[in-house]
Amino acid sequence: MNIRHLLLSVAVAGIAVTPLQARPADEKAPRAAADEPGKGGQPGKAADKDDDAALASAVEDAQPKRGSVAVNGKVVNYTVTPGTLTIRNDDGEPVASMFYVAYIADRAKGAPERPITFAYNGGPGSSSMWLHMGSVAPVHVETPAPGAQPNAPFRVVSNPHTILDRSDVVFIDAIGTGLSRPIGKSKGPEFWGVDPDIDAFARGIMRFLTRYGRWNSPKFLFGESYGTLRSGGLVYALQDRGVQMNGVILLSSIMNYGVRQPGYDMIHLSYLPSYAADAWYHNRIANRPATLEPWLTQVREWTRGAYASALLKGSDITPEEKNAIAQQMSAYTGLPVKYILQSNLRVDLSRFRKELLRDQGKTIGRLDARFTGYDADDAGEGPEYDPADRSLSGPYIGALNSYLFDTLGYKTKLSYRPNYYAKIGGSNWDQKHRAPGRGGYGPMALADTALDLSQAMRENPNLKVLSLNGYYDMATPFFGAEYDLKHMDLPPELRKNLTFRYYESGHMVYVNPEVHPQFTRDMDEFIDMASRGG
């Protein structure tokens, strides 16, 4: 049987197909502990040689196909182009080949310029596979329920929740991931850091604008996870080079790595409302409210009030105060009071994931707490794996390879890397960053690109920002995103340019089919508003 028929059910009309054997991912590591420093890498072993990169070319590539998708009762005809952009340094020397898949809807002659959205994932070390195969492209892989997904054949189907009726969209792979590679004299580690990564994306986007004549289009950035930290620095870097953006879409945000250093209590404050949401979902709350909101607003207020004050006191807190905080924390999180006191009011994420359903012999997911798993050792300190990661990686990796190499028939000598955590991440990723403003902050040991985003919004008062958050996301908790974005010191008249939206889903909000339609509607409304300058 043809592998296309075996693996795919693609309702995309008009795509010309050149069948190729679906290629397995060359990275066997699962999706890493995204956006958590020190996870997924090999500290001190950053390689300066990549044999696969020797197959990459400085010659730009484009292999277009035609397709169509039905959105809101209308057919949108488009061209999908997998291809490469050649990034050059200031001396004009080619330094990297950046892979992209662009979806460009047909535009009548003389019609207004269409918006264009540049999308990418995070890690650092992840390709754009997750956003590409799950969110707003004209196709996506189905993930029908929060649990172990069915084995192959996976269903890659037409996506009625694409944004293509509102905006063209370009999915870009970071250097070393996907099919993006260093070329010439360049080596991978030269791109593996906050600032060199931002520079590479800026150069790649500017090259795309030139190659396809899109300089006058309304322009958007759409980053997920570490991609949000990239976006904060990237929007300023582009603006500083004369590329004025209309909007930035932040999905599952982490803008500031500094608060995650040991010894800082902010990370415990960031997690608490998410712990409450997870406990609510798994029915571990006494007198459980009927809905998450406005109950979570109450939890937020207690977190930034009584809980923050208690942690701030450190060892000065009295036994009576400590017990009172533990009692209320137990009511919000479903954890035993004794366990909270033994944890000194600071329950580590891995402990929470293990403890919440320990009496049922289950753990909960980090990327998405709706997913549950089973450990060999129920008495362990933390979970043995992330059930959300394990459940979703197989369908996404299989679908991406089948769609790209079989359905689209893309030809290349390279193998697609869903991630490159074997070489990127941990101490192999340079976390230092120099933010703009206030005469220059100087190099930060751990980046906070909310500072860059703030500067970009003040310099361009028309720049709009949309923050999208999953209540059950434990990798980048929503309260942490609120903290980062609400500490940008924006003047009152610019705060209206920042909008928050929330969903009963996890890190990859779009994997929940019940919220995917609203997720897309929120993006559609934002793109419409920011494109017309509203």
Protein backbone atom coordinates (compact mmCIF):
# COMPACT_ATOMS: atom_id res chain seq x y z
CA MET A 1 0.00 0.00 0.00
CA ASN A 2 1.26 3.51 -0.81
CA ILE A 3 2.63 5.06 2.38
CA ARG A 4 0.68 8.23 1.71
CA HIS A 5 -2.56 6.25 1.94
CA LEU A 6 -1.31 4.31 4.93
CA LEU A 7 -0.28 7.27 7.06
CA LEU A 8 -2.27 10.25 5.87
CA SER A 9 -5.82 11.35 5.36
CA VAL A 10 -5.21 14.76 3.86
CA ALA A 11 -8.21 16.81 2.82
CA VAL A 12 -6.20 19.41 0.93
CA ALA A 13 -7.33 19.75 -2.65
CA GLY A 14 -4.99 20.42 -5.52
CA ILE A 15 -1.56 19.63 -3.98
CA ALA A 16 0.64 18.03 -6.61
CA VAL A 17 2.42 15.11 -4.95
CA THR A 18 5.75 13.46 -5.69
CA PRO A 19 5.81 10.43 -3.39
CA LEU A 20 8.95 9.82 -1.38
CA GLN A 21 9.62 7.41 1.41
CA ALA A 22 8.54 9.06 4.67
CA ARG A 23 11.79 9.77 6.46
CA PRO A 24 12.34 8.98 10.11
CA ALA A 25 13.53 11.75 12.39
CA ASP A 26 17.26 11.54 12.99
CA GLU A 27 16.84 12.78 16.56
CA LYS A 28 15.51 10.09 18.85
CA ALA A 29 15.38 12.33 21.91
CA PRO A 30 11.82 13.31 22.82
CA ARG A 31 10.69 16.88 23.01
CA ALA A 32 12.94 18.21 25.74
CA ALA A 33 12.14 20.02 28.93
CA ALA A 34 11.43 23.03 26.77
CA ASP A 35 12.45 26.39 28.12
CA GLU A 36 14.02 25.08 31.28
CA PRO A 37 17.74 25.88 31.50
CA GLY A 38 19.97 22.90 32.09
CA LYS A 39 17.60 20.32 30.63
CA GLY A 40 17.94 18.44 27.37
CA GLY A 41 21.56 19.35 26.66
CA GLN A 42 24.99 17.88 27.21
CA PRO A 43 26.85 20.48 29.30
CA GLY A 44 30.39 21.10 28.22
CA LYS A 45 30.14 18.97 25.07
CA ALA A 46 29.02 21.42 22.40
CA ALA A 47 30.30 20.00 19.15
CA ASP A 48 31.94 22.25 16.56
CA LYS A 49 31.39 19.71 13.79
CA ASP A 50 28.12 18.68 12.18
CA ASP A 51 28.58 16.08 9.44
CA ASP A 52 24.99 16.56 8.29
CA ALA A 53 25.59 20.27 7.72
CA ALA A 54 28.13 19.42 5.00
CA LEU A 55 25.14 18.43 2.84
CA ALA A 56 23.53 21.89 3.12
CA SER A 57 23.90 24.34 0.24
CA ALA A 58 24.28 28.11 -0.09
CA VAL A 59 22.01 27.95 -3.13
CA GLU A 60 18.50 28.98 -2.13
CA ASP A 61 15.82 26.40 -2.76
CA ALA A 62 12.05 26.58 -3.35
CA GLN A 63 9.75 23.69 -4.28
CA PRO A 64 6.19 25.08 -4.48
CA LYS A 65 2.95 23.10 -4.67
CA ARG A 66 -0.68 24.20 -4.97
CA GLY A 67 -3.35 23.58 -2.37
CA SER A 68 -6.69 24.73 -1.01
CA VAL A 69 -8.51 24.72 2.30
CA ALA A 70 -12.08 25.50 3.39
CA VAL A 71 -12.29 28.17 6.09
CA ASN A 72 -15.60 29.51 7.40
CA GLY A 73 -17.44 28.17 4.37
CA LYS A 74 -15.04 29.68 1.83
CA VAL A 75 -12.29 28.00 -0.17
CA VAL A 76 -8.85 29.57 0.17
CA ASN A 77 -6.47 28.63 -2.65
CA TYR A 78 -2.79 28.87 -1.82
CA THR A 79 0.77 27.99 -2.73
CA VAL A 80 2.80 26.05 -0.19
CA THR A 81 6.56 26.41 -0.61
CA PRO A 82 9.14 24.42 1.35
CA GLY A 83 12.50 26.05 0.75
CA THR A 84 15.67 27.60 2.10
CA LEU A 85 16.96 31.12 2.63
CA THR A 86 20.66 31.89 2.62
CA ILE A 87 21.74 34.03 5.55
CA ARG A 88 24.80 36.18 4.99
CA ASN A 89 27.02 38.07 7.42
CA ASP A 90 27.82 41.76 7.15
CA ASP A 91 30.59 40.97 4.66
CA GLY A 92 28.16 39.16 2.36
CA GLU A 93 29.50 35.70 3.13
CA PRO A 94 26.93 32.87 3.39
CA VAL A 95 26.78 31.58 6.96
CA ALA A 96 23.57 29.55 7.20
CA SER A 97 20.77 27.95 5.22
CA MET A 98 17.44 28.59 6.94
CA PHE A 99 14.57 26.23 6.11
CA TYR A 100 10.99 27.46 5.91
CA VAL A 101 7.56 26.32 4.76
CA ALA A 102 5.49 29.25 3.48
CA TYR A 103 1.73 29.23 2.89
CA ILE A 104 0.75 32.12 0.61
CA ALA A 105 -2.94 32.57 -0.27
CA ASP A 106 -3.90 33.72 -3.75
CA ARG A 107 -4.36 37.48 -4.03
CA ALA A 108 -6.24 39.15 -6.83
CA LYS A 109 -4.24 41.60 -8.92
CA GLY A 110 -4.44 45.05 -7.36
CA ALA A 111 -5.81 43.73 -4.04
CA PRO A 112 -4.36 45.15 -0.80
CA GLU A 113 -1.22 43.60 0.64
CA ARG A 114 -2.01 40.58 2.79
CA PRO A 115 -0.58 40.26 6.31
CA ILE A 116 2.25 37.79 6.78
CA THR A 117 3.06 35.91 10.00
CA PHE A 118 6.44 34.36 10.80
CA ALA A 119 6.07 31.39 13.17
CA TYR A 120 8.59 29.34 15.14
CA ASN A 121 8.87 27.16 18.23
CA GLY A 122 11.37 27.29 21.06
CA GLY A 123 13.41 24.88 23.12
CA PRO A 124 15.96 26.30 22.58
CA GLY A 125 16.71 23.54 20.12
CA SER A 126 13.25 22.83 18.67
CA SER A 127 12.19 23.01 15.05
CA SER A 128 8.92 24.69 14.05
CA MET A 129 7.26 21.27 13.73
CA TRP A 130 4.83 21.79 16.63
CA LEU A 131 3.29 25.02 15.40
CA HIS A 132 3.44 23.84 11.79
CA MET A 133 1.63 20.53 12.30
CA GLY A 134 -0.69 21.59 15.10
CA SER A 135 -1.77 25.20 15.07
CA VAL A 136 -2.63 27.52 12.18
CA ALA A 137 -1.35 25.94 8.94
CA PRO A 138 -3.94 24.69 6.40
CA VAL A 139 -3.20 21.13 7.57
CA HIS A 140 -2.72 19.65 11.03
CA VAL A 141 -2.39 16.33 12.81
CA GLU A 142 -5.37 15.28 14.88
CA THR A 143 -4.91 14.81 18.64
CA PRO A 144 -8.45 14.05 19.76
CA ALA A 145 -8.05 13.48 23.51
CA PRO A 146 -5.73 14.33 26.44
CA GLY A 147 -4.08 10.95 26.75
CA ALA A 148 -2.01 8.39 24.91
CA GLN A 149 -2.64 8.98 21.20
CA PRO A 150 -3.52 6.11 18.85
CA ASN A 151 -0.64 4.52 16.99
CA ALA A 152 -0.11 5.00 13.25
CA PRO A 153 -1.73 5.64 10.90
CA PHE A 154 -1.89 9.24 12.12
CA ARG A 155 -4.46 11.55 10.57
CA VAL A 156 -3.13 14.70 8.92
CA VAL A 157 -6.22 16.54 7.76
CA SER A 158 -7.35 19.85 6.41
CA ASN A 159 -7.36 22.45 9.17
CA PRO A 160 -10.50 24.64 9.22
CA HIS A 161 -8.86 26.64 12.03
CA THR A 162 -6.00 27.96 9.92
CA ILE A 163 -5.31 31.69 9.89
CA LEU A 164 -4.63 31.59 6.13
CA ASP A 165 -7.85 33.42 5.37
CA ARG A 166 -6.44 36.35 7.38
CA SER A 167 -2.68 36.08 7.00
CA ASP A 168 -0.05 34.24 5.02
CA VAL A 169 2.12 32.19 7.36
CA VAL A 170 5.78 31.13 7.22
CA PHE A 171 7.14 28.45 9.55
CA ILE A 172 10.88 28.82 10.18
CA ASP A 173 13.36 26.35 11.69
CA ALA A 174 16.16 27.61 13.94
CA ILE A 175 19.71 26.91 12.77
CA GLY A 176 20.64 23.29 13.52
CA THR A 177 16.99 22.18 13.78
CA GLY A 178 14.57 20.97 11.14
CA LEU A 179 16.39 21.41 7.83
CA SER A 180 18.26 24.61 8.80
CA ARG A 181 22.05 24.26 8.89
CA PRO A 182 25.21 26.36 9.18
CA ILE A 183 27.11 26.58 5.88
CA GLY A 184 30.49 27.73 4.65
CA LYS A 185 32.99 28.29 7.42
CA SER A 186 30.29 28.64 10.07
CA LYS A 187 29.71 26.14 12.88
CA GLY A 188 26.51 25.44 14.77
CA PRO A 189 27.59 26.86 18.15
CA GLU A 190 28.02 30.29 16.52
CA PHE A 191 24.20 30.46 16.31
CA TRP A 192 23.37 28.80 19.62
CA GLY A 193 22.71 31.63 22.02
CA VAL A 194 20.08 34.26 22.73
CA ASP A 195 21.63 37.09 20.72
CA PRO A 196 23.10 35.16 17.76
CA ASP A 197 19.79 33.30 17.39
CA ILE A 198 17.89 36.59 17.31
CA ASP A 199 20.32 37.94 14.72
CA ALA A 200 19.91 34.83 12.53
CA PHE A 201 16.11 35.08 12.59
CA ALA A 202 16.23 38.80 11.83
CA ARG A 203 18.45 38.18 8.81
CA GLY A 204 16.30 35.26 7.66
CA ILE A 205 13.04 37.23 7.89
CA MET A 206 14.56 40.21 6.08
CA ARG A 207 15.81 37.89 3.34
CA PHE A 208 12.31 36.42 2.96
CA LEU A 209 10.77 39.90 2.70
CA THR A 210 13.21 40.76 -0.07
CA ARG A 211 12.96 37.48 -1.98
CA TYR A 212 9.17 37.47 -2.04
CA GLY A 213 8.53 41.23 -2.18
CA ARG A 214 6.71 41.47 1.17
CA TRP A 215 8.30 44.57 2.67
CA ASN A 216 5.02 46.50 2.55
CA SER A 217 2.86 43.73 4.04
CA PRO A 218 1.50 43.98 7.59
CA LYS A 219 3.97 41.82 9.51
CA PHE A 220 3.61 39.61 12.60
CA LEU A 221 5.80 37.39 14.76
CA PHE A 222 4.29 34.24 16.30
CA GLY A 223 6.51 32.45 18.80
CA GLU A 224 5.77 29.58 21.15
CA SER A 225 7.61 28.80 24.41
CA TYR A 226 11.28 29.84 24.13
CA GLY A 227 10.08 31.33 20.86
CA THR A 228 8.41 34.03 22.97
CA LEU A 229 11.75 34.98 24.49
CA ARG A 230 13.13 35.06 20.94
CA SER A 231 10.20 37.24 19.85
CA GLY A 232 10.84 39.85 22.54
CA GLY A 233 14.38 40.38 21.29
CA LEU A 234 13.55 39.81 17.62
CA VAL A 235 10.83 42.43 17.32
CA TYR A 236 13.25 45.04 18.67
CA ALA A 237 16.13 43.79 16.48
CA LEU A 238 13.95 43.98 13.37
CA GLN A 239 12.58 47.38 14.30
CA ASP A 240 16.12 48.62 14.94
CA ARG A 241 16.98 47.54 11.37
CA GLY A 242 14.00 49.31 9.85
CA VAL A 243 11.50 46.43 9.78
CA GLN A 244 8.45 47.81 11.56
CA MET A 245 6.18 45.04 12.81
CA ASN A 246 2.43 45.30 13.28
CA GLY A 247 2.13 42.73 16.04
CA VAL A 248 3.68 40.03 18.19
CA ILE A 249 1.79 36.88 19.21
CA LEU A 250 3.20 35.14 22.27
CA LEU A 251 2.03 31.59 22.97
CA SER A 252 3.02 30.00 26.30
CA SER A 253 5.47 32.67 27.33
CA ILE A 254 8.76 32.71 29.14
CA MET A 255 10.42 36.09 28.70
CA ASN A 256 12.73 36.08 31.71
CA TYR A 257 15.00 33.17 32.63
CA GLY A 258 16.51 35.04 35.57
CA VAL A 259 13.59 34.32 37.91
CA ARG A 260 14.21 30.58 37.53
CA GLN A 261 17.56 30.64 39.29
CA PRO A 262 17.68 28.70 42.57
CA GLY A 263 17.09 30.87 45.61
CA TYR A 264 14.47 33.12 44.03
CA ASP A 265 10.90 32.74 45.25
CA MET A 266 9.28 34.16 42.09
CA ILE A 267 9.22 30.76 40.43
CA HIS A 268 7.09 29.38 43.29
CA LEU A 269 4.68 32.29 42.93
CA SER A 270 4.53 31.68 39.16
CA TYR A 271 3.51 28.05 39.60
CA LEU A 272 0.90 28.40 42.34
CA PRO A 273 -2.11 29.47 40.19
CA SER A 274 -1.24 26.70 37.69
CA TYR A 275 -1.14 24.18 40.54
CA ALA A 276 -4.62 25.35 41.48
CA ALA A 277 -5.88 25.01 37.89
CA ASP A 278 -4.45 21.47 37.68
CA ALA A 279 -6.01 20.48 40.99
CA TRP A 280 -9.34 21.86 39.77
CA TYR A 281 -9.10 19.88 36.52
CA HIS A 282 -8.33 16.63 38.33
CA ASN A 283 -11.08 17.24 40.90
CA ARG A 284 -8.76 17.53 43.91
CA ILE A 285 -10.44 20.65 45.29
CA ALA A 286 -12.94 20.47 48.15
CA ASN A 287 -16.14 22.36 47.25
CA ARG A 288 -14.81 22.62 43.70
CA PRO A 289 -16.04 25.76 41.88
CA ALA A 290 -18.13 25.17 38.77
CA THR A 291 -15.71 27.14 36.58
CA LEU A 292 -12.04 28.07 36.68
CA GLU A 293 -12.72 31.78 36.47
CA PRO A 294 -13.31 33.87 38.51
CA TRP A 295 -11.95 31.41 41.09
CA LEU A 296 -8.44 31.63 39.59
CA THR A 297 -8.56 35.41 39.93
CA GLN A 298 -9.04 34.83 43.66
CA VAL A 299 -6.05 32.47 43.64
CA ARG A 300 -3.95 35.08 41.82
CA GLU A 301 -4.80 37.72 44.43
CA TRP A 302 -3.86 35.40 47.30
CA THR A 303 -0.62 34.45 45.53
CA ARG A 304 0.54 38.03 45.02
CA GLY A 305 -0.67 38.96 48.50
CA ALA A 306 -0.54 36.58 51.46
CA TYR A 307 1.61 33.90 49.78
CA ALA A 308 4.18 36.36 48.38
CA SER A 309 4.39 38.11 51.74
CA ALA A 310 4.95 34.81 53.56
CA LEU A 311 7.77 33.74 51.25
CA LEU A 312 9.34 37.19 51.48
CA LYS A 313 9.68 36.79 55.25
CA GLY A 314 11.96 33.79 54.85
CA SER A 315 12.98 32.42 58.23
CA ASP A 316 11.24 35.33 59.99
CA ILE A 317 7.84 33.77 59.34
CA THR A 318 6.17 32.55 62.55
CA PRO A 319 4.91 28.96 62.93
CA GLU A 320 1.35 30.29 63.13
CA GLU A 321 1.71 32.27 59.88
CA LYS A 322 3.37 29.33 58.14
CA ASN A 323 0.59 26.96 59.15
CA ALA A 324 -2.10 29.40 57.99
CA ILE A 325 -0.44 29.71 54.58
CA ALA A 326 -0.12 25.94 54.30
CA GLN A 327 -3.81 25.50 55.11
CA GLN A 328 -4.89 27.89 52.34
CA MET A 329 -2.33 26.53 49.91
CA SER A 330 -3.72 23.05 50.54
CA ALA A 331 -7.25 24.29 49.83
CA TYR A 332 -6.10 25.73 46.48
CA THR A 333 -3.78 22.93 45.33
CA GLY A 334 -5.22 19.74 46.81
CA LEU A 335 -1.88 18.85 48.43
CA PRO A 336 -1.80 17.72 52.08
CA VAL A 337 -0.97 20.44 54.62
CA LYS A 338 1.78 18.28 56.11
CA TYR A 339 3.42 17.85 52.69
CA ILE A 340 3.34 21.61 52.06
CA LEU A 341 4.91 22.31 55.48
CA GLN A 342 7.59 19.68 54.87
CA SER A 343 8.33 21.48 51.57
CA ASN A 344 8.70 24.79 53.44
CA LEU A 345 5.76 26.23 51.48
CA ARG A 346 7.79 25.82 48.27
CA VAL A 347 6.61 22.78 46.33
CA ASP A 348 8.90 22.03 43.41
CA LEU A 349 7.18 21.40 40.06
CA SER A 350 8.38 17.80 39.75
CA ARG A 351 7.13 17.09 43.28
CA PHE A 352 3.72 18.58 42.53
CA ARG A 353 3.40 16.50 39.36
CA LYS A 354 4.16 13.37 41.38
CA GLU A 355 2.18 14.19 44.51
CA LEU A 356 -1.16 15.46 43.15
CA LEU A 357 -2.43 12.02 42.05
CA ARG A 358 -0.01 9.83 44.01
CA ASP A 359 -2.88 8.05 45.75
CA GLN A 360 -4.12 6.97 42.31
CA GLY A 361 -0.67 5.81 41.18
CA LYS A 362 -0.58 8.53 38.50
CA THR A 363 1.59 11.50 37.56
CA ILE A 364 0.55 14.56 35.54
CA GLY A 365 2.16 16.13 32.51
CA ARG A 366 4.56 19.06 32.49
CA LEU A 367 3.69 20.35 29.04
CA ASP A 368 0.01 19.68 29.68
CA ALA A 369 -1.29 18.66 33.10
CA ARG A 370 -4.42 17.10 31.60
CA PHE A 371 -2.25 14.15 30.53
CA THR A 372 -1.54 11.47 33.12
CA GLY A 373 1.06 8.71 33.26
CA TYR A 374 2.23 5.74 35.32
CA ASP A 375 5.61 5.32 37.02
CA ALA A 376 7.26 2.08 38.04
CA ASP A 377 7.91 3.60 41.48
CA ASP A 378 4.89 5.25 43.08
CA ALA A 379 7.03 6.34 46.02
CA GLY A 380 9.47 8.29 43.86
CA GLU A 381 10.39 11.95 44.30
CA GLY A 382 9.26 13.05 40.84
CA PRO A 383 7.77 11.69 37.60
CA GLU A 384 9.83 9.35 35.46
CA TYR A 385 8.66 10.99 32.21
CA ASP A 386 6.28 13.60 30.85
CA PRO A 387 3.13 11.82 29.60
CA ALA A 388 2.14 14.82 27.47
CA ASP A 389 5.53 14.79 25.72
CA ARG A 390 5.47 11.04 25.10
CA SER A 391 1.89 11.10 23.86
CA LEU A 392 2.33 13.90 21.32
CA SER A 393 5.87 13.42 19.99
CA GLY A 394 5.12 10.33 17.90
CA PRO A 395 2.12 11.73 15.99
CA TYR A 396 3.82 15.07 15.34
CA ILE A 397 7.15 13.62 14.18
CA GLY A 398 5.45 11.03 11.99
CA ALA A 399 3.03 13.55 10.52
CA LEU A 400 5.71 16.14 9.75
CA ASN A 401 7.94 13.68 7.93
CA SER A 402 5.07 12.15 5.97
CA TYR A 403 3.58 15.50 5.02
CA LEU A 404 6.84 17.20 4.06
CA PHE A 405 8.56 14.38 2.20
CA ASP A 406 5.60 12.39 0.89
CA THR A 407 2.63 14.72 0.42
CA LEU A 408 4.68 17.76 -0.61
CA GLY A 409 7.44 15.63 -2.11
CA TYR A 410 10.19 17.88 -0.83
CA LYS A 411 13.62 16.75 -1.99
CA THR A 412 16.73 17.21 0.14
CA LYS A 413 19.81 15.29 1.20
CA LEU A 414 19.21 16.26 4.83
CA SER A 415 17.15 14.54 7.51
CA TYR A 416 14.57 16.60 9.38
CA ARG A 417 15.50 17.22 13.01
CA PRO A 418 12.37 17.70 15.15
CA ASN A 419 14.83 18.98 17.74
CA TYR A 420 18.56 19.11 18.26
CA TYR A 421 18.71 18.90 22.03
CA ALA A 422 21.69 16.55 21.77
CA LYS A 423 23.81 19.59 20.85
CA ILE A 424 21.68 22.61 21.71
CA GLY A 425 20.48 23.43 25.20
CA GLY A 426 21.81 23.38 28.73
CA SER A 427 25.22 25.00 28.97
CA ASN A 428 25.59 24.70 25.18
CA TRP A 429 23.17 27.61 24.76
CA ASP A 430 24.59 31.04 25.55
CA GLN A 431 21.97 32.68 27.78
CA LYS A 432 23.65 36.10 27.88
CA HIS A 433 21.80 39.05 26.40
CA ARG A 434 22.26 42.79 26.05
CA ALA A 435 18.90 44.54 26.24
CA PRO A 436 18.24 48.05 24.90
CA GLY A 437 17.06 51.10 26.80
CA ARG A 438 18.13 53.12 29.85
CA GLY A 439 21.55 53.64 28.36
CA GLY A 440 21.95 49.88 27.91
CA TYR A 441 21.48 47.27 30.63
CA GLY A 442 24.82 45.66 30.00
CA PRO A 443 25.11 41.93 29.38
CA MET A 444 22.66 39.87 31.43
CA ALA A 445 23.79 36.39 32.45
CA LEU A 446 20.23 35.15 31.83
CA ALA A 447 18.09 36.95 29.27
CA ASP A 448 14.97 38.99 29.96
CA THR A 449 13.66 40.05 26.56
CA ALA A 450 10.52 41.60 28.03
CA LEU A 451 12.87 44.60 28.27
CA ASP A 452 13.40 44.52 24.49
CA LEU A 453 9.67 44.16 23.87
CA SER A 454 8.95 47.09 26.17
CA GLN A 455 11.46 49.26 24.31
CA ALA A 456 9.97 48.24 20.95
CA MET A 457 6.44 49.12 22.13
CA ARG A 458 7.53 52.53 23.40
CA GLU A 459 9.44 53.34 20.21
CA ASN A 460 6.53 52.11 18.07
CA PRO A 461 3.30 53.03 19.91
CA ASN A 462 1.28 51.21 17.25
CA LEU A 463 2.87 47.82 17.98
CA LYS A 464 0.32 45.36 19.37
CA VAL A 465 1.03 42.28 21.52
CA LEU A 466 -1.23 39.27 22.12
CA SER A 467 -0.40 36.84 24.95
CA LEU A 468 -2.01 33.38 24.61
CA ASN A 469 -1.88 31.06 27.63
CA GLY A 470 -2.93 27.56 28.62
CA TYR A 471 -4.22 27.12 32.16
CA TYR A 472 -2.70 23.62 32.39
CA ASP A 473 0.72 24.57 31.02
CA MET A 474 3.36 23.68 33.61
CA ALA A 475 6.37 24.44 31.38
CA THR A 476 5.61 28.16 31.11
CA PRO A 477 2.92 28.97 33.71
CA PHE A 478 0.45 31.71 32.81
CA PHE A 479 1.01 33.68 36.02
CA GLY A 480 4.69 33.95 35.13
CA ALA A 481 3.76 35.34 31.71
CA GLU A 482 1.48 37.88 33.38
CA TYR A 483 4.28 38.93 35.71
CA ASP A 484 6.84 39.41 32.93
CA LEU A 485 4.52 41.33 30.61
CA LYS A 486 2.98 43.47 33.34
CA HIS A 487 6.43 44.57 34.52
CA MET A 488 7.43 46.25 31.25
CA ASP A 489 6.90 49.75 32.72
CA LEU A 490 4.60 50.76 29.87
CA PRO A 491 2.83 54.10 30.19
CA PRO A 492 -0.96 53.82 30.69
CA GLU A 493 -1.78 54.80 27.10
CA LEU A 494 0.30 51.89 25.73
CA ARG A 495 -1.02 49.20 28.08
CA LYS A 496 -4.09 48.87 25.86
CA ASN A 497 -1.77 47.47 23.18
CA LEU A 498 -1.23 44.34 25.31
CA THR A 499 -3.99 41.70 25.35
CA PHE A 500 -4.22 38.39 27.27
CA ARG A 501 -6.27 35.33 26.32
CA TYR A 502 -6.59 32.01 28.20
CA TYR A 503 -7.62 28.46 27.32
CA GLU A 504 -8.36 25.22 29.13
CA SER A 505 -5.39 23.49 27.56
CA GLY A 506 -1.66 23.11 28.08
CA HIS A 507 1.59 24.34 26.59
CA MET A 508 0.50 23.62 23.01
CA VAL A 509 -2.97 25.11 23.38
CA TYR A 510 -4.02 23.93 19.92
CA VAL A 511 -3.80 20.20 20.78
CA ASN A 512 -7.17 20.52 22.53
CA PRO A 513 -9.79 20.39 19.73
CA GLU A 514 -12.37 21.97 22.05
CA VAL A 515 -10.43 25.24 22.34
CA HIS A 516 -8.70 25.29 18.94
CA PRO A 517 -11.54 27.26 17.25
CA GLN A 518 -11.45 30.03 19.87
CA PHE A 519 -7.65 30.07 19.76
CA THR A 520 -7.80 30.81 16.03
CA ARG A 521 -10.60 33.36 16.38
CA ASP A 522 -8.51 35.28 18.90
CA MET A 523 -5.57 35.30 16.49
CA ASP A 524 -7.83 36.33 13.59
CA GLU A 525 -9.25 39.27 15.54
CA PHE A 526 -5.79 40.36 16.62
CA ILE A 527 -4.35 40.20 13.09
CA ASP A 528 -7.33 42.13 11.70
CA MET A 529 -7.04 44.80 14.37
CA ALA A 530 -3.27 45.22 14.19
CA SER A 531 -3.22 45.17 10.38
CA ARG A 532 -5.57 48.14 10.16
CA GLY A 533 -3.84 49.97 12.99
CA GLY A 534 -6.80 49.64 15.38
